[in-house]
Amino acid sequence: YENLQLLGRLHGLSRAAATRRADDLLAAFDLTRSAGRPVGGYSGGMRRRLDIGASLIATPDLLFLDEPTTGLDPRSRTQVWELVRRIAAAGTTVLLTTQYLEEADQLAERIAVIDNGRIAAEGTSAQLKSRVGSATLHLRLLDGAQRPQALRILTDTLPGTAQPAADPLALTVLLATRPDATDVGRLVGNAMTRLADAGVGIADLSLGRPSLDEAFLALTDRQAANDLEGANA
């Protein structure tokens, strides 16, 4: 409580105005019941909320948040996400840096992908995903030794990029075309038939839109998946 009051005074607010602003921020960030406790006894999520609250003492037009959820548990991370949404909805422009692509997907209206210090791509989440494919097929095999064979078959039968995943039994295909739902079913069905004819056993499969993680790897032209496949061969 005293930290927020002090910051308010340093920003030129009167004592009464600084007190009101501190009360408002503590209530907005669900910290009122802990206002009298030393900050040293706060959890990581509470400290992060207090940090963000302190930056809003002067109601800025532009707010920089540098990896605000690093090290937080899932519950605290979700609370910070909600705070960021409320801040943006109130009219403040938020520039947020993060290594969590799910966070960028959840919060950002526009995303800049930075690779080696340079912007590799920029756009909305949907635009970035659409640049790497229209759908993603995830497969999990019964036998990891069959993965090279499965990759060859999928590369031959599907219009996209087939690549191994970190799991030695798994692989992913980014479909490069924009087929409708019927075409997707036909393409995937044909690929599954080819795999079955070749004796490749499938434990599980799922089809969905590309994730932002997959878009990041494709847009930054990382070769980690190929290197991993070579190491496992």
Foldseek 3Di string as FASTA:
>chain_A
DVLQLVLLVVVPDDSVLSVVLVVVLCVVLVNVVVVPPPPVPDDLLVVLSVVVSSVCSVPDQEEEAEASCPPHDPVSVVSVLVVLVVSVVVRHHYDYDHPDLVSCLSHPQKDFQDDPRHGLDIGGQVVLLLQQAFKKKKFFFPDLVCVVVLLVLCVVQAQFHKFADLPSRMIMTGHNDNDDPVVVVVSVVVSVVVCVVVVTGTPDMDMGGDGSVVSSCVSNVDCVRVVSVVVVD
